[in-house]
C-alpha atoms as a PDB file:
ATOM      1  CA  MET A   1       2.485 -36.961 -38.112  1.00  0.00           C
ATOM      2  CA  ASN A   2       4.268 -35.155 -40.880  1.00  0.00           C
ATOM      3  CA  LYS A   3       7.747 -33.174 -40.297  1.00  0.00           C
ATOM      4  CA  ASP A   4       5.900 -29.267 -40.358  1.00  0.00           C
ATOM      5  CA  THR A   5       3.175 -30.418 -37.976  1.00  0.00           C
ATOM      6  CA  LEU A   6       6.250 -31.812 -35.837  1.00  0.00           C
ATOM      7  CA  LEU A   7       7.680 -28.592 -36.238  1.00  0.00           C
ATOM      8  CA  ARG A   8       4.544 -26.673 -35.036  1.00  0.00           C
ATOM      9  CA  VAL A   9       4.195 -29.128 -31.961  1.00  0.00           C
ATOM     10  CA  ALA A  10       7.936 -28.268 -31.362  1.00  0.00           C
ATOM     11  CA  ALA A  11       7.654 -24.667 -31.311  1.00  0.00           C
ATOM     12  CA  PHE A  12       4.376 -23.920 -29.463  1.00  0.00           C
ATOM     13  CA  VAL A  13       5.486 -26.523 -26.656  1.00  0.00           C
ATOM     14  CA  THR A  14       8.852 -24.204 -26.336  1.00  0.00           C
ATOM     15  CA  ALA A  15       6.616 -20.837 -26.467  1.00  0.00           C
ATOM     16  CA  ILE A  16       4.275 -22.324 -23.747  1.00  0.00           C
ATOM     17  CA  LEU A  17       7.492 -23.636 -21.372  1.00  0.00           C
ATOM     18  CA  PHE A  18       9.237 -19.968 -21.957  1.00  0.00           C
ATOM     19  CA  LEU A  19       5.319 -18.216 -21.337  1.00  0.00           C
ATOM     20  CA  GLN A  20       4.469 -19.740 -18.153  1.00  0.00           C
ATOM     21  CA  THR A  21       7.512 -18.909 -16.208  1.00  0.00           C
ATOM     22  CA  LEU A  22       7.544 -14.975 -17.159  1.00  0.00           C
ATOM     23  CA  TYR A  23       4.497 -14.587 -14.547  1.00  0.00           C
ATOM     24  CA  PHE A  24       7.424 -15.570 -12.125  1.00  0.00           C
ATOM     25  CA  LYS A  25       9.912 -13.703 -13.251  1.00  0.00           C
ATOM     26  CA  PHE A  26       8.279 -10.718 -13.928  1.00  0.00           C
ATOM     27  CA  THR A  27       6.432 -10.723 -10.599  1.00  0.00           C
ATOM     28  CA  GLY A  28       9.187 -11.386  -8.166  1.00  0.00           C
ATOM     29  CA  HIS A  29       7.980 -14.418  -7.034  1.00  0.00           C
ATOM     30  CA  PRO A  30       9.996 -15.715  -4.464  1.00  0.00           C
ATOM     31  CA  GLU A  31      11.054 -18.958  -5.787  1.00  0.00           C
ATOM     32  CA  SER A  32      12.238 -17.064  -9.044  1.00  0.00           C
ATOM     33  CA  VAL A  33      14.197 -14.405  -7.162  1.00  0.00           C
ATOM     34  CA  ALA A  34      16.167 -17.311  -4.765  1.00  0.00           C
ATOM     35  CA  LEU A  35      17.039 -18.917  -8.261  1.00  0.00           C
ATOM     36  CA  PHE A  36      18.542 -15.822  -9.386  1.00  0.00           C
ATOM     37  CA  THR A  37      19.910 -14.420  -6.215  1.00  0.00           C
ATOM     38  CA  THR A  38      21.519 -18.006  -6.045  1.00  0.00           C
ATOM     39  CA  LEU A  39      23.385 -17.113  -9.698  1.00  0.00           C
ATOM     40  CA  GLY A  40      24.069 -13.392  -8.421  1.00  0.00           C
ATOM     41  CA  VAL A  41      22.162 -11.650 -11.254  1.00  0.00           C
ATOM     42  CA  GLU A  42      19.012 -10.874  -9.324  1.00  0.00           C
ATOM     43  CA  PRO A  43      17.205  -8.494 -10.011  1.00  0.00           C
ATOM     44  CA  TRP A  44      18.420  -7.552 -13.449  1.00  0.00           C
ATOM     45  CA  GLY A  45      19.298 -11.087 -14.974  1.00  0.00           C
ATOM     46  CA  ARG A  46      15.576 -12.437 -14.053  1.00  0.00           C
ATOM     47  CA  TRP A  47      14.143  -9.298 -15.759  1.00  0.00           C
ATOM     48  CA  ALA A  48      16.663 -10.072 -19.048  1.00  0.00           C
ATOM     49  CA  THR A  49      16.159 -13.670 -19.392  1.00  0.00           C
ATOM     50  CA  GLY A  50      12.389 -12.566 -18.760  1.00  0.00           C
ATOM     51  CA  ILE A  51      12.493 -10.172 -21.870  1.00  0.00           C
ATOM     52  CA  ILE A  52      14.397 -12.672 -23.874  1.00  0.00           C
ATOM     53  CA  GLU A  53      12.357 -15.615 -23.360  1.00  0.00           C
ATOM     54  CA  LEU A  54       9.159 -13.136 -23.981  1.00  0.00           C
ATOM     55  CA  ILE A  55      10.813 -12.525 -27.763  1.00  0.00           C
ATOM     56  CA  ALA A  56      11.729 -15.791 -28.154  1.00  0.00           C
ATOM     57  CA  SER A  57       8.470 -17.110 -27.532  1.00  0.00           C
ATOM     58  CA  ILE A  58       6.753 -14.549 -30.121  1.00  0.00           C
ATOM     59  CA  LEU A  59       9.686 -15.041 -32.928  1.00  0.00           C
ATOM     60  CA  ILE A  60       9.375 -19.240 -32.537  1.00  0.00           C
ATOM     61  CA  VAL A  61       5.871 -19.690 -33.022  1.00  0.00           C
ATOM     62  CA  ILE A  62       5.514 -17.381 -36.082  1.00  0.00           C
ATOM     63  CA  ARG A  63       6.858 -19.181 -39.000  1.00  0.00           C
ATOM     64  CA  THR A  64       9.175 -17.262 -40.648  1.00  0.00           C
ATOM     65  CA  THR A  65      11.250 -16.300 -37.577  1.00  0.00           C
ATOM     66  CA  SER A  66      11.311 -19.585 -36.169  1.00  0.00           C
ATOM     67  CA  VAL A  67      14.601 -20.189 -36.563  1.00  0.00           C
ATOM     68  CA  ILE A  68      15.390 -17.136 -35.339  1.00  0.00           C
ATOM     69  CA  GLY A  69      13.277 -17.819 -32.151  1.00  0.00           C
ATOM     70  CA  ALA A  70      14.440 -21.473 -31.633  1.00  0.00           C
ATOM     71  CA  PHE A  71      18.236 -20.245 -31.828  1.00  0.00           C
ATOM     72  CA  ILE A  72      17.320 -17.587 -29.208  1.00  0.00           C
ATOM     73  CA  GLY A  73      15.384 -20.789 -27.355  1.00  0.00           C
ATOM     74  CA  ALA A  74      18.333 -22.841 -27.755  1.00  0.00           C
ATOM     75  CA  GLY A  75      20.928 -20.308 -26.598  1.00  0.00           C
ATOM     76  CA  LEU A  76      18.794 -19.503 -23.182  1.00  0.00           C
ATOM     77  CA  MET A  77      18.429 -23.107 -22.488  1.00  0.00           C
ATOM     78  CA  THR A  78      22.022 -24.059 -22.599  1.00  0.00           C
ATOM     79  CA  GLY A  79      22.692 -21.138 -20.161  1.00  0.00           C
ATOM     80  CA  ALA A  80      19.835 -22.528 -17.894  1.00  0.00           C
ATOM     81  CA  ILE A  81      20.616 -26.180 -18.202  1.00  0.00           C
ATOM     82  CA  ALA A  82      24.466 -24.781 -17.392  1.00  0.00           C
ATOM     83  CA  SER A  83      23.291 -23.026 -14.505  1.00  0.00           C
ATOM     84  CA  HIS A  84      21.418 -26.326 -13.002  1.00  0.00           C
ATOM     85  CA  LEU A  85      23.837 -28.513 -13.247  1.00  0.00           C
ATOM     86  CA  LEU A  86      26.766 -25.902 -11.984  1.00  0.00           C
ATOM     87  CA  VAL A  87      25.178 -23.560  -9.609  1.00  0.00           C
ATOM     88  CA  ILE A  88      21.255 -24.448  -8.874  1.00  0.00           C
ATOM     89  CA  GLY A  89      21.379 -27.814  -9.006  1.00  0.00           C
ATOM     90  CA  VAL A  90      18.941 -29.822 -10.711  1.00  0.00           C
ATOM     91  CA  ASP A  91      16.061 -30.017  -7.897  1.00  0.00           C
ATOM     92  CA  SER A  92      15.681 -26.122  -7.780  1.00  0.00           C
ATOM     93  CA  ASN A  93      13.973 -25.042  -4.325  1.00  0.00           C
ATOM     94  CA  GLY A  94      12.237 -28.517  -3.908  1.00  0.00           C
ATOM     95  CA  ASP A  95      10.808 -28.555  -7.389  1.00  0.00           C
ATOM     96  CA  GLY A  96      11.953 -32.170  -8.150  1.00  0.00           C
ATOM     97  CA  GLY A  97      13.680 -31.110 -11.128  1.00  0.00           C
ATOM     98  CA  THR A  98      10.872 -29.788 -13.052  1.00  0.00           C
ATOM     99  CA  LEU A  99      12.701 -26.742 -14.296  1.00  0.00           C
ATOM    100  CA  PHE A 100      15.730 -28.640 -14.679  1.00  0.00           C
ATOM    101  CA  THR A 101      13.182 -31.241 -16.902  1.00  0.00           C
ATOM    102  CA  PHE A 102      11.428 -27.968 -19.192  1.00  0.00           C
ATOM    103  CA  ALA A 103      14.811 -26.625 -19.957  1.00  0.00           C
ATOM    104  CA  ILE A 104      16.096 -29.666 -21.110  1.00  0.00           C
ATOM    105  CA  VAL A 105      12.583 -30.353 -23.498  1.00  0.00           C
ATOM    106  CA  ALA A 106      12.679 -26.536 -24.478  1.00  0.00           C
ATOM    107  CA  PHE A 107      16.279 -27.138 -25.227  1.00  0.00           C
ATOM    108  CA  VAL A 108      15.455 -30.722 -27.481  1.00  0.00           C
ATOM    109  CA  CYS A 109      12.510 -28.918 -29.091  1.00  0.00           C
ATOM    110  CA  SER A 110      14.502 -25.512 -30.450  1.00  0.00           C
ATOM    111  CA  VAL A 111      17.613 -27.887 -31.378  1.00  0.00           C
ATOM    112  CA  PHE A 112      14.873 -29.892 -33.407  1.00  0.00           C
ATOM    113  CA  ILE A 113      13.451 -26.762 -35.219  1.00  0.00           C
ATOM    114  CA  LEU A 114      16.973 -25.406 -35.828  1.00  0.00           C
ATOM    115  CA  TYR A 115      18.272 -29.054 -37.220  1.00  0.00           C
ATOM    116  CA  SER A 116      14.934 -29.134 -39.392  1.00  0.00           C
ATOM    117  CA  ARG A 117      15.690 -25.954 -40.854  1.00  0.00           C
ATOM    118  CA  LEU A 118      19.633 -25.903 -41.002  1.00  0.00           C
ATOM    119  CA  ASP A 119      19.704 -24.094 -44.460  1.00  0.00           C
ATOM    120  CA  GLU A 120      17.344 -21.465 -42.876  1.00  0.00           C
ATOM    121  CA  LEU A 121      19.548 -20.746 -40.132  1.00  0.00           C
ATOM    122  CA  LYS A 122      23.006 -20.978 -42.412  1.00  0.00           C
ATOM    123  CA  ILE A 123      21.235 -18.220 -44.409  1.00  0.00           C
ATOM    124  CA  ILE A 124      20.462 -15.902 -41.755  1.00  0.00           C
ATOM    125  CA  LEU A 125      23.769 -16.767 -40.126  1.00  0.00           C
ATOM    126  CA  LYS A 126      25.304 -15.884 -43.722  1.00  0.00           C
ATOM    127  CA  LEU A 127      26.781 -19.729 -43.740  1.00  0.00           C
ATOM    128  CA  LYS A 128      25.571 -20.430 -47.393  1.00  0.00           C
ATOM    129  CA  LYS A 129      25.510 -17.936 -49.935  1.00  0.00           C
END
């Protein structure tokens, strides 16, 4: 499998992970409400996170904006991982660590995209002339 194919797979895996949680966030599913209540940011944190994940999902699958989507995704998942480790716990609502694992996978995929396209990221962040 070549590098471009791996990047596309990483982008689609991340987008799928983000998109599959949107139903829970936008419909006010009890597990999602409980999670964001534990974090003290219900409901606005749930809605904002869902909107940002939707934006990141769209950006990450478009080749010309995938670095921006990966940057947003890595930031989101850094927050999700920290929230699990510091507040929620790895096992959220008895899910056996599934949400935590999804956050790790999305984070790793996002960082892989960022690292693979580091030159593009530097240009976007104006770190390279």
